[in-house]
Structure formats: C-alpha cells, structure tokens
C-alpha cells in the first residue's frame, strides 16, 4: 500500500549533556511530547513514528499519540549519524505496516518550539518545489557570524572572515544556520543518497525561535524563556 508521508522522530536514550533529555519536563510536558503533538496536529503525515532504543522514551511517546511498534537496535550510539537511524526506522516501518511512502520528514525531539504550522509551511514549500531534500534553517541575527574569531590560549583572536572587518554590518550578506527542526526528503532520493544532504538539497528558513535546538542546559533555559515570553506566562 502506498501512503503519502511519514514523520520519524529519532530519540536516542543515552543523552549525556542533559540526562534523559528527550523526556525531561519542558513547560509542563516531556520534551518529546511537543514534537509528537506538533506532528500530529499538522495533519501532514500518515504515520508519526518515534525511533528509540529506550523503553521509557517509547512509553512516553505512546502516551502522547506516536507509534512505537519496535525499538531501535542499531545506530543508537553517540557516533551513528541521525540520518542512518532514520533510514533504519523507515525500512522497519515499511516492513511492519506493509506501506511505501512518498516523503519522509525527520523531526528532532529537541526542538519543542517548532509548532504544527511550522511543519505545514515547510511541507507546502517542499511540495511546491523541485528539490528532493529540504533542510530547515534560520537566519543569524544579533550573533553576527561574519565577526567570528578563534582564540588561542592567550586570547589572541584569529578572524574567520578577515575581509568582513572592513565592511559595514548592513552591507554584509545574510548568513543562515541549519536546524534539526524539519528535514524533508523524497523517499527514493533519500534511500539512494542515505542523507538529507543529498544532491541538490536546499535550505528553507524558519523563525529562529521556532528553530531552537536544545543540546545543553543553556539551550534549555533559553527555550523555556522564549516559550514563557511567547505565551505571556510569568515564570
């Protein structure tokens, strides 16, 4: 049977910088719940699958409406690229449900402020374009990367873009950074390239606040502050 779209949420259990990161509380719900609910509410997918090696994460994911019909047995360490875990989950999903999909969307669970409408917008853009791969990104703002430096042990800077020191900030081109919020691919192309950074991939900008990836405690605190601000909640 041919289905249109599957969303895969890779959620490994062995996070180190924030233990049990994927199920810690974020503004009243487990972190992963925000991504599951956004995927379901978007109504863009025939399946919303959580790929995890962790029984506790699987239990939480099911409580919030995701499918977890199997646990991840490979690509679950610190070194396996997340695209490999998504490929493995895709193959198992096709076998388990006897379905073939046209698109796969990878939604990282550490992007809780990415909402259903962000997913809808990204899917519409992908459907209307010709690219086989679309990766979410955000525009650098006050943290101007043109002024980035590396520091040696004595604090002496080495400029990454020395030519930019002579230009006015308003004359510099806009730069963008990828975020794990919403990665979309054509199934056939994804299987052939084995990465979302396949031939001809494009970046699709989104609001920087929706794009926040939580990797460490500082990221978590910033994401919580933004959520409270957006929802007019006093901490």
C-alpha atoms as a PDB file:
ATOM      1  CA  UNK A   1       0.000   0.000   0.000  1.00  0.00           C
ATOM      2  CA  UNK A   2       1.261   3.475  -0.893  1.00  0.00           C
ATOM      3  CA  UNK A   3       0.943   6.196   1.737  1.00  0.00           C
ATOM      4  CA  UNK A   4       1.894   9.818   1.287  1.00  0.00           C
ATOM      5  CA  UNK A   5       4.142  10.794   4.183  1.00  0.00           C
ATOM      6  CA  UNK A   6       5.787   9.511   7.330  1.00  0.00           C
ATOM      7  CA  UNK A   7       7.307  11.561  10.127  1.00  0.00           C
ATOM      8  CA  UNK A   8      10.180   9.967  12.015  1.00  0.00           C
ATOM      9  CA  UNK A   9      11.283  11.341  15.383  1.00  0.00           C
ATOM     10  CA  UNK A  10      14.714   9.942  16.332  1.00  0.00           C
ATOM     11  CA  UNK A  11      15.028   9.843  20.119  1.00  0.00           C
ATOM     12  CA  UNK A  12      18.086   8.075  21.449  1.00  0.00           C
ATOM     13  CA  UNK A  13      18.112   7.317  25.163  1.00  0.00           C
ATOM     14  CA  UNK A  14      21.764   7.923  26.016  1.00  0.00           C
ATOM     15  CA  UNK A  15      21.997  11.707  26.130  1.00  0.00           C
ATOM     16  CA  UNK A  16      24.923  12.895  28.252  1.00  0.00           C
ATOM     17  CA  UNK A  17      24.851  16.696  28.461  1.00  0.00           C
ATOM     18  CA  UNK A  18      21.262  16.571  29.737  1.00  0.00           C
ATOM     19  CA  UNK A  19      20.490  13.088  31.113  1.00  0.00           C
ATOM     20  CA  UNK A  20      17.173  11.708  29.814  1.00  0.00           C
ATOM     21  CA  UNK A  21      16.879  14.878  27.747  1.00  0.00           C
ATOM     22  CA  UNK A  22      14.120  13.651  25.462  1.00  0.00           C
ATOM     23  CA  UNK A  23      11.685  13.118  28.335  1.00  0.00           C
ATOM     24  CA  UNK A  24      12.662  15.850  30.785  1.00  0.00           C
ATOM     25  CA  UNK A  25       9.945  18.339  31.666  1.00  0.00           C
ATOM     26  CA  UNK A  26       9.643  21.259  29.285  1.00  0.00           C
ATOM     27  CA  UNK A  27       6.996  23.741  30.353  1.00  0.00           C
ATOM     28  CA  UNK A  28       4.686  21.069  31.702  1.00  0.00           C
ATOM     29  CA  UNK A  29       5.190  18.194  29.255  1.00  0.00           C
ATOM     30  CA  UNK A  30       8.004  15.785  28.376  1.00  0.00           C
ATOM     31  CA  UNK A  31      10.292  17.394  25.804  1.00  0.00           C
ATOM     32  CA  UNK A  32       9.492  14.855  23.094  1.00  0.00           C
ATOM     33  CA  UNK A  33       5.737  15.389  23.556  1.00  0.00           C
ATOM     34  CA  UNK A  34       5.933  18.827  21.931  1.00  0.00           C
ATOM     35  CA  UNK A  35       7.299  17.368  18.707  1.00  0.00           C
ATOM     36  CA  UNK A  36       4.842  14.470  18.672  1.00  0.00           C
ATOM     37  CA  UNK A  37       1.884  16.786  19.169  1.00  0.00           C
ATOM     38  CA  UNK A  38       3.103  19.238  16.535  1.00  0.00           C
ATOM     39  CA  UNK A  39       3.471  16.409  14.014  1.00  0.00           C
ATOM     40  CA  UNK A  40       0.005  15.025  14.745  1.00  0.00           C
ATOM     41  CA  UNK A  41      -1.671  18.431  14.787  1.00  0.00           C
ATOM     42  CA  UNK A  42      -0.110  19.377  11.450  1.00  0.00           C
ATOM     43  CA  UNK A  43      -2.165  16.610   9.776  1.00  0.00           C
ATOM     44  CA  UNK A  44       0.673  16.239   7.262  1.00  0.00           C
ATOM     45  CA  UNK A  45       1.532  12.606   7.963  1.00  0.00           C
ATOM     46  CA  UNK A  46       0.020   9.166   7.574  1.00  0.00           C
ATOM     47  CA  UNK A  47       2.354   7.920  10.314  1.00  0.00           C
ATOM     48  CA  UNK A  48       4.174   9.611  13.194  1.00  0.00           C
ATOM     49  CA  UNK A  49       6.881   7.185  14.304  1.00  0.00           C
ATOM     50  CA  UNK A  50       9.290   7.552  17.209  1.00  0.00           C
ATOM     51  CA  UNK A  51      12.555   5.678  16.710  1.00  0.00           C
ATOM     52  CA  UNK A  52      14.155   4.960  20.080  1.00  0.00           C
ATOM     53  CA  UNK A  53      16.291   2.396  21.860  1.00  0.00           C
ATOM     54  CA  UNK A  54      14.851   3.380  25.228  1.00  0.00           C
ATOM     55  CA  UNK A  55      11.772   1.749  26.778  1.00  0.00           C
ATOM     56  CA  UNK A  56      10.966   4.788  28.924  1.00  0.00           C
ATOM     57  CA  UNK A  57      11.023   7.109  25.920  1.00  0.00           C
ATOM     58  CA  UNK A  58       8.865   4.645  23.996  1.00  0.00           C
ATOM     59  CA  UNK A  59       6.279   4.612  26.787  1.00  0.00           C
ATOM     60  CA  UNK A  60       6.085   8.407  26.916  1.00  0.00           C
ATOM     61  CA  UNK A  61       5.893   8.641  23.115  1.00  0.00           C
ATOM     62  CA  UNK A  62       2.931   6.260  23.004  1.00  0.00           C
ATOM     63  CA  UNK A  63       1.142   8.216  25.728  1.00  0.00           C
ATOM     64  CA  UNK A  64       1.231  11.293  23.508  1.00  0.00           C
ATOM     65  CA  UNK A  65      -0.006   9.525  20.389  1.00  0.00           C
ATOM     66  CA  UNK A  66       3.093   8.434  18.477  1.00  0.00           C
ATOM     67  CA  UNK A  67       3.598   4.962  17.059  1.00  0.00           C
ATOM     68  CA  UNK A  68       6.474   2.948  18.553  1.00  0.00           C
ATOM     69  CA  UNK A  69       5.953  -0.570  17.231  1.00  0.00           C
ATOM     70  CA  UNK A  70       9.619  -1.535  17.621  1.00  0.00           C
ATOM     71  CA  UNK A  71      12.753  -0.419  19.450  1.00  0.00           C
ATOM     72  CA  UNK A  72      15.896   0.731  17.656  1.00  0.00           C
ATOM     73  CA  UNK A  73      18.580  -1.961  17.721  1.00  0.00           C
ATOM     74  CA  UNK A  74      21.205  -0.296  15.522  1.00  0.00           C
ATOM     75  CA  UNK A  75      22.582   3.237  15.078  1.00  0.00           C
ATOM     76  CA  UNK A  76      21.897   4.012  18.732  1.00  0.00           C
ATOM     77  CA  UNK A  77      25.363   5.157  19.868  1.00  0.00           C
ATOM     78  CA  UNK A  78      26.986   8.599  20.012  1.00  0.00           C
ATOM     79  CA  UNK A  79      28.676   8.182  16.633  1.00  0.00           C
ATOM     80  CA  UNK A  80      25.973   6.997  14.247  1.00  0.00           C
ATOM     81  CA  UNK A  81      24.630   9.832  12.042  1.00  0.00           C
ATOM     82  CA  UNK A  82      20.983  10.502  12.793  1.00  0.00           C
ATOM     83  CA  UNK A  83      20.131  10.009   9.110  1.00  0.00           C
ATOM     84  CA  UNK A  84      21.216   6.366   9.436  1.00  0.00           C
ATOM     85  CA  UNK A  85      18.821   5.882  12.343  1.00  0.00           C
ATOM     86  CA  UNK A  86      16.058   7.422  10.251  1.00  0.00           C
ATOM     87  CA  UNK A  87      16.880   5.150   7.320  1.00  0.00           C
ATOM     88  CA  UNK A  88      16.716   2.107   9.564  1.00  0.00           C
ATOM     89  CA  UNK A  89      13.417   3.222  11.085  1.00  0.00           C
ATOM     90  CA  UNK A  90      11.991   3.858   7.630  1.00  0.00           C
ATOM     91  CA  UNK A  91      12.873   0.359   6.440  1.00  0.00           C
ATOM     92  CA  UNK A  92      11.311  -1.200   9.548  1.00  0.00           C
ATOM     93  CA  UNK A  93       8.181   0.931   9.205  1.00  0.00           C
ATOM     94  CA  UNK A  94       7.690  -0.126   5.593  1.00  0.00           C
ATOM     95  CA  UNK A  95       8.045  -3.768   6.585  1.00  0.00           C
ATOM     96  CA  UNK A  96       5.895  -3.518   9.715  1.00  0.00           C
ATOM     97  CA  UNK A  97       2.938  -1.724   8.126  1.00  0.00           C
ATOM     98  CA  UNK A  98       3.411  -3.034   4.594  1.00  0.00           C
ATOM     99  CA  UNK A  99       3.446   0.542   3.303  1.00  0.00           C
ATOM    100  CA  UNK A 100       5.510   2.618   0.904  1.00  0.00           C
ATOM    101  CA  UNK A 101       5.834   6.363   1.404  1.00  0.00           C
ATOM    102  CA  UNK A 102       6.496   9.248  -0.939  1.00  0.00           C
ATOM    103  CA  UNK A 103       8.207  11.528   1.584  1.00  0.00           C
ATOM    104  CA  UNK A 104       9.973  11.173   4.914  1.00  0.00           C
ATOM    105  CA  UNK A 105      10.213  14.025   7.407  1.00  0.00           C
ATOM    106  CA  UNK A 106      12.729  13.899  10.232  1.00  0.00           C
ATOM    107  CA  UNK A 107      11.691  15.904  13.295  1.00  0.00           C
ATOM    108  CA  UNK A 108      14.239  16.158  16.079  1.00  0.00           C
ATOM    109  CA  UNK A 109      12.640  15.942  19.548  1.00  0.00           C
ATOM    110  CA  UNK A 110      14.904  18.644  20.972  1.00  0.00           C
ATOM    111  CA  UNK A 111      13.067  21.391  19.027  1.00  0.00           C
ATOM    112  CA  UNK A 112       9.977  21.905  21.230  1.00  0.00           C
ATOM    113  CA  UNK A 113       9.056  25.383  19.975  1.00  0.00           C
ATOM    114  CA  UNK A 114       8.654  24.173  16.401  1.00  0.00           C
ATOM    115  CA  UNK A 115       4.876  24.044  16.076  1.00  0.00           C
ATOM    116  CA  UNK A 116       2.355  22.399  13.755  1.00  0.00           C
ATOM    117  CA  UNK A 117       2.124  25.458  11.499  1.00  0.00           C
ATOM    118  CA  UNK A 118       5.897  25.439  11.001  1.00  0.00           C
ATOM    119  CA  UNK A 119       5.601  21.869   9.735  1.00  0.00           C
ATOM    120  CA  UNK A 120       2.670  22.743   7.487  1.00  0.00           C
ATOM    121  CA  UNK A 121       4.604  25.662   5.981  1.00  0.00           C
ATOM    122  CA  UNK A 122       7.680  23.514   5.370  1.00  0.00           C
ATOM    123  CA  UNK A 123       5.675  20.709   3.762  1.00  0.00           C
ATOM    124  CA  UNK A 124       3.901  23.166   1.448  1.00  0.00           C
ATOM    125  CA  UNK A 125       7.231  24.617   0.376  1.00  0.00           C
ATOM    126  CA  UNK A 126       8.654  21.171  -0.306  1.00  0.00           C
ATOM    127  CA  UNK A 127       5.596  20.087  -2.271  1.00  0.00           C
ATOM    128  CA  UNK A 128       5.703  23.199  -4.446  1.00  0.00           C
ATOM    129  CA  UNK A 129       9.420  22.941  -5.209  1.00  0.00           C
ATOM    130  CA  UNK A 130      11.590  20.614  -7.264  1.00  0.00           C
ATOM    131  CA  UNK A 131      14.273  19.797  -4.686  1.00  0.00           C
ATOM    132  CA  UNK A 132      14.461  16.239  -3.346  1.00  0.00           C
ATOM    133  CA  UNK A 133      15.806  17.378   0.023  1.00  0.00           C
ATOM    134  CA  UNK A 134      14.805  20.337   2.196  1.00  0.00           C
ATOM    135  CA  UNK A 135      16.579  21.251   5.433  1.00  0.00           C
ATOM    136  CA  UNK A 136      15.274  23.816   7.900  1.00  0.00           C
ATOM    137  CA  UNK A 137      17.490  26.755   8.785  1.00  0.00           C
ATOM    138  CA  UNK A 138      17.341  30.160  10.465  1.00  0.00           C
ATOM    139  CA  UNK A 139      18.939  33.499   9.757  1.00  0.00           C
ATOM    140  CA  UNK A 140      21.727  34.638  12.060  1.00  0.00           C
ATOM    141  CA  UNK A 141      20.622  37.768  13.901  1.00  0.00           C
ATOM    142  CA  UNK A 142      22.478  39.667  16.594  1.00  0.00           C
ATOM    143  CA  UNK A 143      25.151  36.953  16.723  1.00  0.00           C
ATOM    144  CA  UNK A 144      26.814  38.091  13.517  1.00  0.00           C
ATOM    145  CA  UNK A 145      28.973  35.178  12.244  1.00  0.00           C
ATOM    146  CA  UNK A 146      30.929  37.499   9.954  1.00  0.00           C
ATOM    147  CA  UNK A 147      32.694  38.736  13.091  1.00  0.00           C
ATOM    148  CA  UNK A 148      33.561  35.256  14.384  1.00  0.00           C
ATOM    149  CA  UNK A 149      37.045  34.587  15.703  1.00  0.00           C
ATOM    150  CA  UNK A 150      39.051  31.683  17.066  1.00  0.00           C
ATOM    151  CA  UNK A 151      41.015  32.349  20.259  1.00  0.00           C
ATOM    152  CA  UNK A 152      44.360  30.836  21.182  1.00  0.00           C
ATOM    153  CA  UNK A 153      45.415  30.102  24.763  1.00  0.00           C
ATOM    154  CA  UNK A 154      46.326  33.739  25.333  1.00  0.00           C
ATOM    155  CA  UNK A 155      43.072  35.156  23.999  1.00  0.00           C
ATOM    156  CA  UNK A 156      44.610  36.332  20.732  1.00  0.00           C
ATOM    157  CA  UNK A 157      41.922  36.290  18.014  1.00  0.00           C
ATOM    158  CA  UNK A 158      42.142  34.788  14.545  1.00  0.00           C
ATOM    159  CA  UNK A 159      39.341  36.134  12.366  1.00  0.00           C
ATOM    160  CA  UNK A 160      37.438  33.592  10.293  1.00  0.00           C
ATOM    161  CA  UNK A 161      36.317  36.251   7.815  1.00  0.00           C
ATOM    162  CA  UNK A 162      39.029  38.946   7.867  1.00  0.00           C
ATOM    163  CA  UNK A 163      37.577  40.641   4.793  1.00  0.00           C
ATOM    164  CA  UNK A 164      34.396  41.414   6.727  1.00  0.00           C
ATOM    165  CA  UNK A 165      36.195  43.673   9.206  1.00  0.00           C
ATOM    166  CA  UNK A 166      36.336  46.424   6.586  1.00  0.00           C
ATOM    167  CA  UNK A 167      32.634  46.234   5.703  1.00  0.00           C
ATOM    168  CA  UNK A 168      29.673  47.839   7.427  1.00  0.00           C
ATOM    169  CA  UNK A 169      27.405  45.263   9.062  1.00  0.00           C
ATOM    170  CA  UNK A 170      24.445  46.373   6.910  1.00  0.00           C
ATOM    171  CA  UNK A 171      26.469  45.674   3.769  1.00  0.00           C
ATOM    172  CA  UNK A 172      27.269  42.060   4.661  1.00  0.00           C
ATOM    173  CA  UNK A 173      25.235  39.237   3.161  1.00  0.00           C
ATOM    174  CA  UNK A 174      22.777  37.371   5.347  1.00  0.00           C
ATOM    175  CA  UNK A 175      24.039  34.038   6.640  1.00  0.00           C
ATOM    176  CA  UNK A 176      21.956  31.034   7.700  1.00  0.00           C
ATOM    177  CA  UNK A 177      22.450  28.076  10.023  1.00  0.00           C
ATOM    178  CA  UNK A 178      20.772  24.648   9.712  1.00  0.00           C
ATOM    179  CA  UNK A 179      18.500  23.438  12.499  1.00  0.00           C
ATOM    180  CA  UNK A 180      17.170  19.945  13.141  1.00  0.00           C
ATOM    181  CA  UNK A 181      13.566  21.150  13.316  1.00  0.00           C
ATOM    182  CA  UNK A 182      12.159  19.944   9.964  1.00  0.00           C
ATOM    183  CA  UNK A 183      14.094  17.892   7.407  1.00  0.00           C
ATOM    184  CA  UNK A 184      12.129  16.540   4.438  1.00  0.00           C
ATOM    185  CA  UNK A 185      13.148  14.202   1.632  1.00  0.00           C
ATOM    186  CA  UNK A 186      11.777  12.311  -1.305  1.00  0.00           C
ATOM    187  CA  UNK A 187      11.889   8.658  -0.274  1.00  0.00           C
ATOM    188  CA  UNK A 188      13.653   7.325  -3.362  1.00  0.00           C
ATOM    189  CA  UNK A 189      16.308  10.044  -3.264  1.00  0.00           C
ATOM    190  CA  UNK A 190      16.807   9.596   0.479  1.00  0.00           C
ATOM    191  CA  UNK A 191      17.411   5.882   0.125  1.00  0.00           C
ATOM    192  CA  UNK A 192      19.865   6.451  -2.719  1.00  0.00           C
ATOM    193  CA  UNK A 193      21.828   9.253  -1.007  1.00  0.00           C
ATOM    194  CA  UNK A 194      21.452   7.940   2.572  1.00  0.00           C
ATOM    195  CA  UNK A 195      21.443  11.505   3.879  1.00  0.00           C
ATOM    196  CA  UNK A 196      19.241  14.593   3.838  1.00  0.00           C
ATOM    197  CA  UNK A 197      22.243  16.463   2.482  1.00  0.00           C
ATOM    198  CA  UNK A 198      21.730  14.724  -0.835  1.00  0.00           C
ATOM    199  CA  UNK A 199      22.429  16.069  -4.292  1.00  0.00           C
ATOM    200  CA  UNK A 200      20.614  19.341  -4.839  1.00  0.00           C
ATOM    201  CA  UNK A 201      19.447  19.817  -1.250  1.00  0.00           C
ATOM    202  CA  UNK A 202      18.024  23.216  -0.337  1.00  0.00           C
ATOM    203  CA  UNK A 203      17.638  25.140   2.897  1.00  0.00           C
ATOM    204  CA  UNK A 204      14.278  26.560   3.973  1.00  0.00           C
ATOM    205  CA  UNK A 205      14.395  29.432   6.503  1.00  0.00           C
ATOM    206  CA  UNK A 206      12.128  29.490   9.538  1.00  0.00           C
ATOM    207  CA  UNK A 207      11.791  31.757  12.560  1.00  0.00           C
ATOM    208  CA  UNK A 208      14.859  31.478  14.767  1.00  0.00           C
ATOM    209  CA  UNK A 209      12.785  30.941  17.906  1.00  0.00           C
ATOM    210  CA  UNK A 210      10.891  28.010  16.382  1.00  0.00           C
ATOM    211  CA  UNK A 211      14.219  26.644  15.176  1.00  0.00           C
ATOM    212  CA  UNK A 212      15.930  26.341  18.564  1.00  0.00           C
ATOM    213  CA  UNK A 213      17.741  23.015  19.107  1.00  0.00           C
ATOM    214  CA  UNK A 214      18.244  22.048  22.754  1.00  0.00           C
ATOM    215  CA  UNK A 215      21.649  20.433  23.213  1.00  0.00           C
ATOM    216  CA  UNK A 216      22.734  21.681  26.632  1.00  0.00           C
ATOM    217  CA  UNK A 217      21.355  23.350  29.756  1.00  0.00           C
ATOM    218  CA  UNK A 218      21.842  26.874  28.382  1.00  0.00           C
ATOM    219  CA  UNK A 219      19.801  25.981  25.285  1.00  0.00           C
ATOM    220  CA  UNK A 220      17.098  24.525  27.529  1.00  0.00           C
ATOM    221  CA  UNK A 221      16.888  27.658  29.652  1.00  0.00           C
ATOM    222  CA  UNK A 222      16.708  29.891  26.575  1.00  0.00           C
ATOM    223  CA  UNK A 223      13.958  27.759  25.000  1.00  0.00           C
ATOM    224  CA  UNK A 224      11.960  27.852  28.241  1.00  0.00           C
ATOM    225  CA  UNK A 225      12.319  31.633  28.446  1.00  0.00           C
ATOM    226  CA  UNK A 226      11.128  32.025  24.845  1.00  0.00           C
ATOM    227  CA  UNK A 227       8.119  29.759  25.434  1.00  0.00           C
ATOM    228  CA  UNK A 228       7.114  31.751  28.521  1.00  0.00           C
ATOM    229  CA  UNK A 229       7.524  35.020  26.627  1.00  0.00           C
ATOM    230  CA  UNK A 230       5.531  33.823  23.619  1.00  0.00           C
ATOM    231  CA  UNK A 231       2.689  32.671  25.844  1.00  0.00           C
ATOM    232  CA  UNK A 232       2.733  35.632  28.245  1.00  0.00           C
ATOM    233  CA  UNK A 233       3.472  33.396  31.206  1.00  0.00           C
ATOM    234  CA  UNK A 234       5.242  34.750  34.284  1.00  0.00           C
ATOM    235  CA  UNK A 235       7.950  32.398  35.461  1.00  0.00           C
END
